[in-house]
Amino acid sequence: MADESSPWPTELRVASDRKTLTVAFDNGAKHDLSAEYLRVCSPSAEVKGHAPSQKQTVPGKRNVEIIKVEPVGNYAVRIHFDDMHSSGIFSWRYLLDLGERPGNHWDVYLQELAQKGLSRDP
């Protein structure tokens, strides 16, 4: 169930090049989230695992695109990517967090890539 005090999305727009999702909220926040960022931070079991020890680092997604965004109830969206990944359900709260704290999420991702000798390139 959605928290009544949480910001509510007022706009979800995929850019014409399918590389960015713009998310605006009723608190005035507006964030442009890259498809790569959304894909590698997907809240799916494939990426997050079922426990912190199962978290996966997903390399090679620099060129990934968004092919579809569909609502999940009134609390989230499922994003379909052109690499056929679509199992992550992005809650409004999680999208807001990705927009407000990109350095945190992105820096962790880049550190994991470096530690594992992986690349953003396919």
C-alpha atoms as a PDB file:
ATOM      1  CA  MET A   1       0.000   0.000   0.000  1.00  0.00           C
ATOM      2  CA  ALA A   2       1.268   3.468  -0.834  1.00  0.00           C
ATOM      3  CA  ASP A   3       2.216   5.826   1.970  1.00  0.00           C
ATOM      4  CA  GLU A   4      -0.172   8.806   1.838  1.00  0.00           C
ATOM      5  CA  SER A   5       2.689  11.206   2.672  1.00  0.00           C
ATOM      6  CA  SER A   6       4.963   9.952  -0.118  1.00  0.00           C
ATOM      7  CA  PRO A   7       5.288  12.062  -3.248  1.00  0.00           C
ATOM      8  CA  TRP A   8       3.021  10.910  -6.064  1.00  0.00           C
ATOM      9  CA  PRO A   9       4.193  10.800  -9.701  1.00  0.00           C
ATOM     10  CA  THR A  10       2.626  13.359 -12.004  1.00  0.00           C
ATOM     11  CA  GLU A  11       4.604  12.470 -15.138  1.00  0.00           C
ATOM     12  CA  LEU A  12       6.375   9.429 -16.557  1.00  0.00           C
ATOM     13  CA  ARG A  13       7.836  10.074 -19.993  1.00  0.00           C
ATOM     14  CA  VAL A  14      10.219   7.983 -22.068  1.00  0.00           C
ATOM     15  CA  ALA A  15      12.441  10.125 -24.295  1.00  0.00           C
ATOM     16  CA  SER A  16      12.122   9.635 -28.047  1.00  0.00           C
ATOM     17  CA  ASP A  17      15.564   7.963 -28.153  1.00  0.00           C
ATOM     18  CA  ARG A  18      14.369   5.519 -25.440  1.00  0.00           C
ATOM     19  CA  LYS A  19      17.475   6.254 -23.345  1.00  0.00           C
ATOM     20  CA  THR A  20      15.847   8.306 -20.547  1.00  0.00           C
ATOM     21  CA  LEU A  21      12.787   8.122 -18.325  1.00  0.00           C
ATOM     22  CA  THR A  22      11.631  11.453 -16.903  1.00  0.00           C
ATOM     23  CA  VAL A  23       9.743  11.145 -13.631  1.00  0.00           C
ATOM     24  CA  ALA A  24       8.041  14.157 -12.029  1.00  0.00           C
ATOM     25  CA  PHE A  25       6.383  14.145  -8.607  1.00  0.00           C
ATOM     26  CA  ASP A  26       3.725  16.279  -6.956  1.00  0.00           C
ATOM     27  CA  ASN A  27       6.320  17.662  -4.506  1.00  0.00           C
ATOM     28  CA  GLY A  28       8.047  19.415  -7.433  1.00  0.00           C
ATOM     29  CA  ALA A  29      10.853  16.868  -7.829  1.00  0.00           C
ATOM     30  CA  LYS A  30      11.671  15.943 -11.419  1.00  0.00           C
ATOM     31  CA  HIS A  31      14.370  13.491 -12.437  1.00  0.00           C
ATOM     32  CA  ASP A  32      15.776  12.262 -15.739  1.00  0.00           C
ATOM     33  CA  LEU A  33      16.864   8.661 -15.177  1.00  0.00           C
ATOM     34  CA  SER A  34      18.958   6.954 -17.839  1.00  0.00           C
ATOM     35  CA  ALA A  35      17.894   3.564 -19.135  1.00  0.00           C
ATOM     36  CA  GLU A  36      21.305   2.173 -18.168  1.00  0.00           C
ATOM     37  CA  TYR A  37      20.951   3.460 -14.593  1.00  0.00           C
ATOM     38  CA  LEU A  38      17.450   2.009 -14.278  1.00  0.00           C
ATOM     39  CA  ARG A  39      18.531  -1.324 -15.755  1.00  0.00           C
ATOM     40  CA  VAL A  40      21.552  -1.830 -13.506  1.00  0.00           C
ATOM     41  CA  CYS A  41      19.586  -0.685 -10.435  1.00  0.00           C
ATOM     42  CA  SER A  42      16.550  -2.806 -11.264  1.00  0.00           C
ATOM     43  CA  PRO A  43      14.773  -4.003  -8.113  1.00  0.00           C
ATOM     44  CA  SER A  44      14.407  -7.453  -9.695  1.00  0.00           C
ATOM     45  CA  ALA A  45      15.570 -10.684  -8.117  1.00  0.00           C
ATOM     46  CA  GLU A  46      18.027 -11.032 -11.034  1.00  0.00           C
ATOM     47  CA  VAL A  47      19.864  -7.897  -9.883  1.00  0.00           C
ATOM     48  CA  LYS A  48      19.060  -7.566  -6.166  1.00  0.00           C
ATOM     49  CA  GLY A  49      18.855 -11.288  -5.420  1.00  0.00           C
ATOM     50  CA  HIS A  50      16.696 -12.675  -2.647  1.00  0.00           C
ATOM     51  CA  ALA A  51      19.278 -11.660  -0.029  1.00  0.00           C
ATOM     52  CA  PRO A  52      22.089  -9.064   0.026  1.00  0.00           C
ATOM     53  CA  SER A  53      24.658 -11.816  -0.547  1.00  0.00           C
ATOM     54  CA  GLN A  54      22.958 -12.707  -3.852  1.00  0.00           C
ATOM     55  CA  LYS A  55      23.176  -9.199  -5.365  1.00  0.00           C
ATOM     56  CA  GLN A  56      24.487  -9.243  -8.937  1.00  0.00           C
ATOM     57  CA  THR A  57      26.496  -6.621 -10.823  1.00  0.00           C
ATOM     58  CA  VAL A  58      25.063  -6.335 -14.334  1.00  0.00           C
ATOM     59  CA  PRO A  59      27.728  -5.281 -16.871  1.00  0.00           C
ATOM     60  CA  GLY A  60      27.454  -4.181 -20.494  1.00  0.00           C
ATOM     61  CA  LYS A  61      24.280  -2.087 -20.332  1.00  0.00           C
ATOM     62  CA  ARG A  62      25.599   1.279 -21.582  1.00  0.00           C
ATOM     63  CA  ASN A  63      23.415   1.108 -24.714  1.00  0.00           C
ATOM     64  CA  VAL A  64      20.256  -0.447 -23.256  1.00  0.00           C
ATOM     65  CA  GLU A  65      16.943   1.196 -24.159  1.00  0.00           C
ATOM     66  CA  ILE A  66      13.479   1.330 -22.630  1.00  0.00           C
ATOM     67  CA  ILE A  67      10.884  -0.287 -24.872  1.00  0.00           C
ATOM     68  CA  LYS A  68       7.822  -0.050 -22.616  1.00  0.00           C
ATOM     69  CA  VAL A  69       6.654   1.194 -19.223  1.00  0.00           C
ATOM     70  CA  GLU A  70       3.511  -0.328 -17.781  1.00  0.00           C
ATOM     71  CA  PRO A  71       1.646   0.404 -14.545  1.00  0.00           C
ATOM     72  CA  VAL A  72       1.611  -2.109 -11.708  1.00  0.00           C
ATOM     73  CA  GLY A  73      -1.405  -1.324  -9.563  1.00  0.00           C
ATOM     74  CA  ASN A  74      -1.285   2.237  -8.322  1.00  0.00           C
ATOM     75  CA  TYR A  75       2.099   1.975  -6.647  1.00  0.00           C
ATOM     76  CA  ALA A  76       4.702   1.154  -9.300  1.00  0.00           C
ATOM     77  CA  VAL A  77       5.714   0.540 -12.911  1.00  0.00           C
ATOM     78  CA  ARG A  78       7.367  -2.334 -14.728  1.00  0.00           C
ATOM     79  CA  ILE A  79      10.021  -1.190 -17.164  1.00  0.00           C
ATOM     80  CA  HIS A  80      10.727  -3.341 -20.211  1.00  0.00           C
ATOM     81  CA  PHE A  81      14.243  -2.988 -21.621  1.00  0.00           C
ATOM     82  CA  ASP A  82      15.471  -3.968 -25.080  1.00  0.00           C
ATOM     83  CA  ASP A  83      17.675  -6.705 -23.560  1.00  0.00           C
ATOM     84  CA  MET A  84      14.360  -8.386 -22.635  1.00  0.00           C
ATOM     85  CA  HIS A  85      14.716  -7.641 -18.911  1.00  0.00           C
ATOM     86  CA  SER A  86      11.321  -6.729 -17.447  1.00  0.00           C
ATOM     87  CA  SER A  87      11.047  -8.416 -14.060  1.00  0.00           C
ATOM     88  CA  GLY A  88      11.805  -5.381 -11.890  1.00  0.00           C
ATOM     89  CA  ILE A  89       8.900  -3.509 -10.334  1.00  0.00           C
ATOM     90  CA  PHE A  90       9.889   0.106  -9.677  1.00  0.00           C
ATOM     91  CA  SER A  91       7.791   1.593  -6.867  1.00  0.00           C
ATOM     92  CA  TRP A  92       7.215   5.345  -6.816  1.00  0.00           C
ATOM     93  CA  ARG A  93       9.350   5.539  -3.655  1.00  0.00           C
ATOM     94  CA  TYR A  94      12.213   3.671  -5.349  1.00  0.00           C
ATOM     95  CA  LEU A  95      12.076   5.888  -8.462  1.00  0.00           C
ATOM     96  CA  LEU A  96      12.186   8.946  -6.215  1.00  0.00           C
ATOM     97  CA  ASP A  97      15.168   7.488  -4.342  1.00  0.00           C
ATOM     98  CA  LEU A  98      16.989   6.770  -7.621  1.00  0.00           C
ATOM     99  CA  GLY A  99      16.380  10.373  -8.655  1.00  0.00           C
ATOM    100  CA  GLU A 100      17.370  11.925  -5.333  1.00  0.00           C
ATOM    101  CA  ARG A 101      20.452   9.803  -4.657  1.00  0.00           C
ATOM    102  CA  PRO A 102      21.996   8.952  -8.031  1.00  0.00           C
ATOM    103  CA  GLY A 103      25.543   9.364  -6.750  1.00  0.00           C
ATOM    104  CA  ASN A 104      24.990   6.740  -4.094  1.00  0.00           C
ATOM    105  CA  HIS A 105      23.530   4.111  -6.414  1.00  0.00           C
ATOM    106  CA  TRP A 106      25.728   4.885  -9.425  1.00  0.00           C
ATOM    107  CA  ASP A 107      28.989   5.138  -7.451  1.00  0.00           C
ATOM    108  CA  VAL A 108      28.350   1.743  -5.829  1.00  0.00           C
ATOM    109  CA  TYR A 109      27.665   0.265  -9.259  1.00  0.00           C
ATOM    110  CA  LEU A 110      30.854   1.708 -10.774  1.00  0.00           C
ATOM    111  CA  GLN A 111      32.902   0.457  -7.795  1.00  0.00           C
ATOM    112  CA  GLU A 112      31.438  -3.037  -8.197  1.00  0.00           C
ATOM    113  CA  LEU A 113      32.268  -3.054 -11.917  1.00  0.00           C
ATOM    114  CA  ALA A 114      35.864  -2.019 -11.190  1.00  0.00           C
ATOM    115  CA  GLN A 115      36.298  -4.584  -8.396  1.00  0.00           C
ATOM    116  CA  LYS A 116      35.024  -7.380 -10.649  1.00  0.00           C
ATOM    117  CA  GLY A 117      36.894  -6.267 -13.774  1.00  0.00           C
ATOM    118  CA  LEU A 118      33.633  -5.640 -15.647  1.00  0.00           C
ATOM    119  CA  SER A 119      32.648  -2.898 -18.109  1.00  0.00           C
ATOM    120  CA  ARG A 120      29.613  -0.756 -18.868  1.00  0.00           C
ATOM    121  CA  ASP A 121      30.174  -1.551 -22.547  1.00  0.00           C
ATOM    122  CA  PRO A 122      28.572  -4.596 -24.162  1.00  0.00           C
END
